[in-house]
PDB file of N, CA and C in Angstrom:
ATOM      1  N   MET A   1     105.933  63.827  79.746  1.00  0.00           N
ATOM      2  CA  MET A   1     106.549  65.088  80.668  1.00  0.00           C
ATOM      3  C   MET A   1     105.120  65.248  81.550  1.00  0.00           C
ATOM      4  N   GLU A   2     106.568  64.799  82.693  1.00  0.00           N
ATOM      5  CA  GLU A   2     105.955  65.116  84.130  1.00  0.00           C
ATOM      6  C   GLU A   2     105.667  66.516  84.789  1.00  0.00           C
ATOM      7  N   GLU A   3     104.870  67.133  85.397  1.00  0.00           N
ATOM      8  CA  GLU A   3     104.572  68.507  85.779  1.00  0.00           C
ATOM      9  C   GLU A   3     103.941  68.464  86.993  1.00  0.00           C
ATOM     10  N   THR A   4     104.755  68.943  88.181  1.00  0.00           N
ATOM     11  CA  THR A   4     104.527  68.924  89.542  1.00  0.00           C
ATOM     12  C   THR A   4     103.210  69.585  89.514  1.00  0.00           C
ATOM     13  N   LEU A   5     102.021  69.123  89.826  1.00  0.00           N
ATOM     14  CA  LEU A   5     101.238  70.386  90.602  1.00  0.00           C
ATOM     15  C   LEU A   5     101.236  71.057  92.057  1.00  0.00           C
ATOM     16  N   LEU A   6     100.987  72.341  92.007  1.00  0.00           N
ATOM     17  CA  LEU A   6     101.091  72.876  93.133  1.00  0.00           C
ATOM     18  C   LEU A   6      99.677  72.836  93.953  1.00  0.00           C
ATOM     19  N   ASP A   7      99.516  72.728  95.386  1.00  0.00           N
ATOM     20  CA  ASP A   7      98.338  72.690  96.091  1.00  0.00           C
ATOM     21  C   ASP A   7      98.068  74.281  96.353  1.00  0.00           C
ATOM     22  N   SER A   8      97.062  74.560  97.256  1.00  0.00           N
ATOM     23  CA  SER A   8      96.555  75.569  97.675  1.00  0.00           C
ATOM     24  C   SER A   8      97.514  76.420  98.681  1.00  0.00           C
ATOM     25  N   ARG A   9      97.805  75.478  99.251  1.00  0.00           N
ATOM     26  CA  ARG A   9      99.149  75.764 100.226  1.00  0.00           C
ATOM     27  C   ARG A   9     100.253  76.624  99.776  1.00  0.00           C
ATOM     28  N   GLN A  10     101.116  75.447  98.856  1.00  0.00           N
ATOM     29  CA  GLN A  10     101.952  76.186  97.904  1.00  0.00           C
ATOM     30  C   GLN A  10     101.681  77.355  97.232  1.00  0.00           C
ATOM     31  N   VAL A  11     100.613  77.318  96.406  1.00  0.00           N
ATOM     32  CA  VAL A  11     100.054  78.265  95.915  1.00  0.00           C
ATOM     33  C   VAL A  11     100.010  79.709  96.637  1.00  0.00           C
ATOM     34  N   ALA A  12      99.437  79.880  97.611  1.00  0.00           N
ATOM     35  CA  ALA A  12      98.809  80.729  98.744  1.00  0.00           C
ATOM     36  C   ALA A  12     100.670  81.098  99.377  1.00  0.00           C
ATOM     37  N   ALA A  13     101.460  80.400  99.524  1.00  0.00           N
ATOM     38  CA  ALA A  13     102.947  80.917 100.150  1.00  0.00           C
ATOM     39  C   ALA A  13     103.701  81.339  98.858  1.00  0.00           C
ATOM     40  N   ARG A  14     103.234  81.237  97.628  1.00  0.00           N
ATOM     41  CA  ARG A  14     104.013  81.724  96.625  1.00  0.00           C
ATOM     42  C   ARG A  14     103.459  83.105  96.361  1.00  0.00           C
ATOM     43  N   LEU A  15     102.199  83.295  96.515  1.00  0.00           N
ATOM     44  CA  LEU A  15     101.491  84.610  96.147  1.00  0.00           C
ATOM     45  C   LEU A  15     101.345  85.430  98.094  1.00  0.00           C
ATOM     46  N   ASN A  16     102.221  84.923  98.641  1.00  0.00           N
ATOM     47  CA  ASN A  16     101.765  85.618 100.132  1.00  0.00           C
ATOM     48  C   ASN A  16     100.203  86.007  99.852  1.00  0.00           C
ATOM     49  N   ILE A  17      99.286  85.220  99.983  1.00  0.00           N
ATOM     50  CA  ILE A  17      97.885  85.226 100.234  1.00  0.00           C
ATOM     51  C   ILE A  17      97.616  84.389 101.310  1.00  0.00           C
ATOM     52  N   SER A  18      96.341  84.567 101.852  1.00  0.00           N
ATOM     53  CA  SER A  18      95.522  83.407 102.299  1.00  0.00           C
ATOM     54  C   SER A  18      95.228  82.331 101.306  1.00  0.00           C
ATOM     55  N   ARG A  19      94.831  80.968 101.952  1.00  0.00           N
ATOM     56  CA  ARG A  19      94.321  79.923 101.009  1.00  0.00           C
ATOM     57  C   ARG A  19      92.940  80.055 100.654  1.00  0.00           C
ATOM     58  N   SER A  20      92.066  81.020 101.287  1.00  0.00           N
ATOM     59  CA  SER A  20      90.890  81.106 101.146  1.00  0.00           C
ATOM     60  C   SER A  20      90.884  82.236  99.943  1.00  0.00           C
ATOM     61  N   TYR A  21      91.531  82.930  99.879  1.00  0.00           N
ATOM     62  CA  TYR A  21      92.042  83.906  98.359  1.00  0.00           C
ATOM     63  C   TYR A  21      92.219  83.371  97.460  1.00  0.00           C
ATOM     64  N   VAL A  22      93.005  82.366  98.095  1.00  0.00           N
ATOM     65  CA  VAL A  22      93.631  81.581  96.378  1.00  0.00           C
ATOM     66  C   VAL A  22      92.258  80.361  96.104  1.00  0.00           C
ATOM     67  N   TYR A  23      91.367  79.721  96.628  1.00  0.00           N
ATOM     68  CA  TYR A  23      90.196  79.445  96.322  1.00  0.00           C
ATOM     69  C   TYR A  23      89.252  80.475  95.566  1.00  0.00           C
ATOM     70  N   PHE A  24      89.372  81.645  95.873  1.00  0.00           N
ATOM     71  CA  PHE A  24      88.508  82.729  95.450  1.00  0.00           C
ATOM     72  C   PHE A  24      88.866  82.866  94.009  1.00  0.00           C
ATOM     73  N   LEU A  25      90.054  83.243  94.255  1.00  0.00           N
ATOM     74  CA  LEU A  25      90.780  83.699  92.828  1.00  0.00           C
ATOM     75  C   LEU A  25      90.378  82.296  91.586  1.00  0.00           C
ATOM     76  N   MET A  26      90.609  80.878  91.876  1.00  0.00           N
ATOM     77  CA  MET A  26      90.061  80.104  91.157  1.00  0.00           C
ATOM     78  C   MET A  26      88.671  79.568  90.866  1.00  0.00           C
ATOM     79  N   ARG A  27      87.778  80.049  91.796  1.00  0.00           N
ATOM     80  CA  ARG A  27      86.338  79.901  91.812  1.00  0.00           C
ATOM     81  C   ARG A  27      86.147  81.027  90.678  1.00  0.00           C
ATOM     82  N   VAL A  28      86.801  82.364  90.730  1.00  0.00           N
ATOM     83  CA  VAL A  28      86.187  83.352  89.741  1.00  0.00           C
ATOM     84  C   VAL A  28      86.818  83.323  88.522  1.00  0.00           C
ATOM     85  N   GLY A  29      87.471  82.120  88.353  1.00  0.00           N
ATOM     86  CA  GLY A  29      88.476  82.052  86.782  1.00  0.00           C
ATOM     87  C   GLY A  29      89.676  83.055  86.612  1.00  0.00           C
ATOM     88  N   ASP A  30      90.184  83.709  88.179  1.00  0.00           N
ATOM     89  CA  ASP A  30      91.167  84.423  87.413  1.00  0.00           C
ATOM     90  C   ASP A  30      92.332  83.381  87.816  1.00  0.00           C
ATOM     91  N   LEU A  31      92.217  82.247  88.334  1.00  0.00           N
ATOM     92  CA  LEU A  31      93.433  81.047  88.207  1.00  0.00           C
ATOM     93  C   LEU A  31      93.131  80.057  87.958  1.00  0.00           C
ATOM     94  N   PRO A  32      93.384  79.299  86.985  1.00  0.00           N
ATOM     95  CA  PRO A  32      92.697  77.929  86.322  1.00  0.00           C
ATOM     96  C   PRO A  32      93.470  77.211  87.593  1.00  0.00           C
ATOM     97  N   CYS A  33      92.735  75.967  87.506  1.00  0.00           N
ATOM     98  CA  CYS A  33      93.023  75.327  88.319  1.00  0.00           C
ATOM     99  C   CYS A  33      92.540  73.710  87.874  1.00  0.00           C
ATOM    100  N   ILE A  34      92.863  72.538  88.583  1.00  0.00           N
ATOM    101  CA  ILE A  34      92.908  70.948  88.058  1.00  0.00           C
ATOM    102  C   ILE A  34      92.291  70.380  89.128  1.00  0.00           C
ATOM    103  N   ARG A  35      91.047  69.801  89.113  1.00  0.00           N
ATOM    104  CA  ARG A  35      90.476  68.965  90.320  1.00  0.00           C
ATOM    105  C   ARG A  35      90.930  68.040  90.018  1.00  0.00           C
ATOM    106  N   ILE A  36      91.255  66.994  91.260  1.00  0.00           N
ATOM    107  CA  ILE A  36      91.925  65.593  91.169  1.00  0.00           C
ATOM    108  C   ILE A  36      91.384  65.276  92.425  1.00  0.00           C
ATOM    109  N   GLY A  37      90.011  64.501  92.486  1.00  0.00           N
ATOM    110  CA  GLY A  37      89.519  63.732  93.451  1.00  0.00           C
ATOM    111  C   GLY A  37      88.869  64.947  94.618  1.00  0.00           C
ATOM    112  N   ASN A  38      89.175  64.673  95.751  1.00  0.00           N
ATOM    113  CA  ASN A  38      88.801  66.038  96.275  1.00  0.00           C
ATOM    114  C   ASN A  38      89.909  67.367  96.725  1.00  0.00           C
ATOM    115  N   THR A  39      91.188  67.144  95.469  1.00  0.00           N
ATOM    116  CA  THR A  39      92.097  68.151  95.503  1.00  0.00           C
ATOM    117  C   THR A  39      92.174  69.042  94.394  1.00  0.00           C
ATOM    118  N   ILE A  40      92.265  69.994  94.835  1.00  0.00           N
ATOM    119  CA  ILE A  40      92.750  71.147  94.051  1.00  0.00           C
ATOM    120  C   ILE A  40      93.706  71.744  93.386  1.00  0.00           C
ATOM    121  N   HIS A  41      94.273  71.690  92.279  1.00  0.00           N
ATOM    122  CA  HIS A  41      95.523  72.034  92.103  1.00  0.00           C
ATOM    123  C   HIS A  41      95.811  72.749  90.702  1.00  0.00           C
ATOM    124  N   VAL A  42      97.213  73.531  90.992  1.00  0.00           N
ATOM    125  CA  VAL A  42      97.661  74.518  89.996  1.00  0.00           C
ATOM    126  C   VAL A  42      98.919  74.071  88.918  1.00  0.00           C
ATOM    127  N   ARG A  43      98.532  74.551  87.849  1.00  0.00           N
ATOM    128  CA  ARG A  43      99.787  74.132  87.094  1.00  0.00           C
ATOM    129  C   ARG A  43     101.058  75.211  87.232  1.00  0.00           C
ATOM    130  N   PRO A  44     102.055  74.882  87.349  1.00  0.00           N
ATOM    131  CA  PRO A  44     103.021  76.082  87.737  1.00  0.00           C
ATOM    132  C   PRO A  44     102.821  76.979  86.333  1.00  0.00           C
ATOM    133  N   ARG A  45     102.933  76.979  85.151  1.00  0.00           N
ATOM    134  CA  ARG A  45     102.726  77.756  84.342  1.00  0.00           C
ATOM    135  C   ARG A  45     101.687  78.570  84.373  1.00  0.00           C
ATOM    136  N   ASP A  46     100.416  77.833  84.905  1.00  0.00           N
ATOM    137  CA  ASP A  46      99.196  78.690  84.722  1.00  0.00           C
ATOM    138  C   ASP A  46      99.516  79.813  86.253  1.00  0.00           C
ATOM    139  N   LEU A  47     100.017  79.363  87.316  1.00  0.00           N
ATOM    140  CA  LEU A  47     100.362  80.503  88.227  1.00  0.00           C
ATOM    141  C   LEU A  47     101.413  81.586  87.631  1.00  0.00           C
ATOM    142  N   GLU A  48     102.368  81.407  87.169  1.00  0.00           N
ATOM    143  CA  GLU A  48     103.355  82.288  86.322  1.00  0.00           C
ATOM    144  C   GLU A  48     102.397  82.992  85.351  1.00  0.00           C
ATOM    145  N   ARG A  49     101.445  82.691  84.406  1.00  0.00           N
ATOM    146  CA  ARG A  49     101.044  83.286  83.497  1.00  0.00           C
ATOM    147  C   ARG A  49      99.976  84.228  84.523  1.00  0.00           C
ATOM    148  N   TYR A  50      99.148  83.890  85.521  1.00  0.00           N
ATOM    149  CA  TYR A  50      98.434  84.807  86.423  1.00  0.00           C
ATOM    150  C   TYR A  50      99.312  85.614  86.914  1.00  0.00           C
ATOM    151  N   LEU A  51     100.725  85.438  87.267  1.00  0.00           N
ATOM    152  CA  LEU A  51     101.266  86.455  87.764  1.00  0.00           C
ATOM    153  C   LEU A  51     102.094  87.700  86.837  1.00  0.00           C
ATOM    154  N   GLN A  52     102.227  86.969  85.364  1.00  0.00           N
ATOM    155  CA  GLN A  52     102.487  88.037  84.434  1.00  0.00           C
ATOM    156  C   GLN A  52     101.821  88.785  84.415  1.00  0.00           C
ATOM    157  N   GLN A  53     100.417  88.501  84.169  1.00  0.00           N
ATOM    158  CA  GLN A  53      99.286  89.456  83.835  1.00  0.00           C
ATOM    159  C   GLN A  53      99.293  90.462  84.763  1.00  0.00           C
ATOM    160  N   ARG A  54      99.717  90.104  86.044  1.00  0.00           N
ATOM    161  CA  ARG A  54      99.180  91.253  87.175  1.00  0.00           C
ATOM    162  C   ARG A  54     100.755  92.215  87.500  1.00  0.00           C
ATOM    163  N   ILE A  55     101.833  91.695  87.055  1.00  0.00           N
ATOM    164  CA  ILE A  55     102.882  92.251  87.360  1.00  0.00           C
ATOM    165  C   ILE A  55     103.590  93.508  86.651  1.00  0.00           C
ATOM    166  N   PRO A  56     103.431  93.871  85.442  1.00  0.00           N
ATOM    167  CA  PRO A  56     103.796  94.885  84.642  1.00  0.00           C
ATOM    168  C   PRO A  56     103.521  96.034  84.961  1.00  0.00           C
ATOM    169  N   PRO A  57     102.147  96.206  85.704  1.00  0.00           N
ATOM    170  CA  PRO A  57     102.380  97.430  85.791  1.00  0.00           C
ATOM    171  C   PRO A  57     103.272  98.011  87.172  1.00  0.00           C
ATOM    172  N   ILE A  58     102.811  96.813  87.908  1.00  0.00           N
ATOM    173  CA  ILE A  58     104.113  97.492  89.575  1.00  0.00           C
ATOM    174  C   ILE A  58     105.507  97.541  89.057  1.00  0.00           C
ATOM    175  N   LEU A  59     105.702  96.612  88.053  1.00  0.00           N
ATOM    176  CA  LEU A  59     107.238  97.064  87.844  1.00  0.00           C
ATOM    177  C   LEU A  59     107.561  98.426  86.845  1.00  0.00           C
ATOM    178  N   ALA A  60     106.911  98.981  86.235  1.00  0.00           N
ATOM    179  CA  ALA A  60     106.618 100.200  85.446  1.00  0.00           C
ATOM    180  C   ALA A  60     106.797 101.048  86.918  1.00  0.00           C
ATOM    181  N   CYS A  61     106.080 101.260  87.605  1.00  0.00           N
ATOM    182  CA  CYS A  61     106.499 101.992  89.201  1.00  0.00           C
ATOM    183  C   CYS A  61     107.897 101.452  89.791  1.00  0.00           C
ATOM    184  N   ALA A  62     108.142 100.292  90.030  1.00  0.00           N
ATOM    185  CA  ALA A  62     109.151  99.771  90.737  1.00  0.00           C
ATOM    186  C   ALA A  62     110.329 100.280  90.064  1.00  0.00           C
ATOM    187  N   SER A  63     110.432 100.440  88.490  1.00  0.00           N
ATOM    188  CA  SER A  63     111.727 100.724  87.827  1.00  0.00           C
ATOM    189  C   SER A  63     112.359 102.296  87.747  1.00  0.00           C
ATOM    190  N   GLY A  64     111.088 103.201  88.405  1.00  0.00           N
ATOM    191  CA  GLY A  64     111.377 104.372  88.336  1.00  0.00           C
ATOM    192  C   GLY A  64     110.498 105.336  87.080  1.00  0.00           C
ATOM    193  N   ASP A  65     109.543 104.453  86.729  1.00  0.00           N
ATOM    194  CA  ASP A  65     109.163 105.035  85.269  1.00  0.00           C
ATOM    195  C   ASP A  65     107.726 105.737  86.037  1.00  0.00           C
ATOM    196  N   ARG A  66     108.091 106.866  86.371  1.00  0.00           N
ATOM    197  CA  ARG A  66     107.003 107.911  86.925  1.00  0.00           C
ATOM    198  C   ARG A  66     106.406 108.548  85.929  1.00  0.00           C
ATOM    199  N   SER A  67     106.226 108.324  84.525  1.00  0.00           N
ATOM    200  CA  SER A  67     105.595 109.468  83.644  1.00  0.00           C
ATOM    201  C   SER A  67     104.020 108.783  83.749  1.00  0.00           C
ATOM    202  N   HIS A  68     103.754 108.139  83.991  1.00  0.00           N
ATOM    203  CA  HIS A  68     102.523 107.790  84.274  1.00  0.00           C
ATOM    204  C   HIS A  68     101.769 108.412  85.467  1.00  0.00           C
ATOM    205  N   GLU A  69     102.440 109.310  86.331  1.00  0.00           N
ATOM    206  CA  GLU A  69     101.859 109.965  87.519  1.00  0.00           C
ATOM    207  C   GLU A  69     101.576 111.692  87.064  1.00  0.00           C
ATOM    208  N   ALA A  70     100.680 111.794  87.379  1.00  0.00           N
ATOM    209  CA  ALA A  70     100.147 113.192  87.405  1.00  0.00           C
ATOM    210  C   ALA A  70     101.128 114.153  87.960  1.00  0.00           C
ATOM    211  N   GLY A  71     101.535 114.845  87.262  1.00  0.00           N
ATOM    212  CA  GLY A  71     102.540 115.980  88.022  1.00  0.00           C
ATOM    213  C   GLY A  71     103.644 115.908  88.561  1.00  0.00           C
ATOM    214  N   SER A  72     104.341 114.497  87.700  1.00  0.00           N
ATOM    215  CA  SER A  72     105.682 114.110  88.110  1.00  0.00           C
ATOM    216  C   SER A  72     106.757 115.342  87.325  1.00  0.00           C
ATOM    217  N   SER A  73     107.595 115.138  88.322  1.00  0.00           N
ATOM    218  CA  SER A  73     108.725 116.329  88.171  1.00  0.00           C
ATOM    219  C   SER A  73     109.433 116.387  86.355  1.00  0.00           C
ATOM    220  N   ARG A  74     108.952 115.505  85.910  1.00  0.00           N
ATOM    221  CA  ARG A  74     109.367 115.607  84.337  1.00  0.00           C
ATOM    222  C   ARG A  74     108.581 116.601  83.652  1.00  0.00           C
ATOM    223  N   HIS A  75     107.033 116.900  83.962  1.00  0.00           N
ATOM    224  CA  HIS A  75     106.188 117.554  83.455  1.00  0.00           C
ATOM    225  C   HIS A  75     106.225 119.149  84.234  1.00  0.00           C
ATOM    226  N   ARG A  76     106.836 119.266  85.234  1.00  0.00           N
ATOM    227  CA  ARG A  76     106.549 120.529  85.897  1.00  0.00           C
ATOM    228  C   ARG A  76     107.298 121.515  85.244  1.00  0.00           C
ATOM    229  N   ALA A  77     106.721 122.642  85.157  1.00  0.00           N
ATOM    230  CA  ALA A  77     107.766 123.988  85.064  1.00  0.00           C
ATOM    231  C   ALA A  77     108.602 124.028  86.241  1.00  0.00           C
ATOM    232  N   SER A  78     109.976 124.361  85.685  1.00  0.00           N
ATOM    233  CA  SER A  78     110.858 125.180  86.800  1.00  0.00           C
ATOM    234  C   SER A  78     110.351 126.335  87.040  1.00  0.00           C
TER     235      SER A  78
END
């Protein structure tokens, strides 16, 4: 099974962040990476896992579920 690895430019483009921030995420261990010679790569499944760990709170807000907000209209007295 062959898997196409992503380089730092591809990861940065997919996350809409700078390459230096991609390297930071790799360095602190938030984004697993593979070093091959002088290049660093990310497996697509590791990038997907990274995104899944960070998206759920955003999706809750985007879906209109505002019950987590203090003073939302559901909790106000009329």
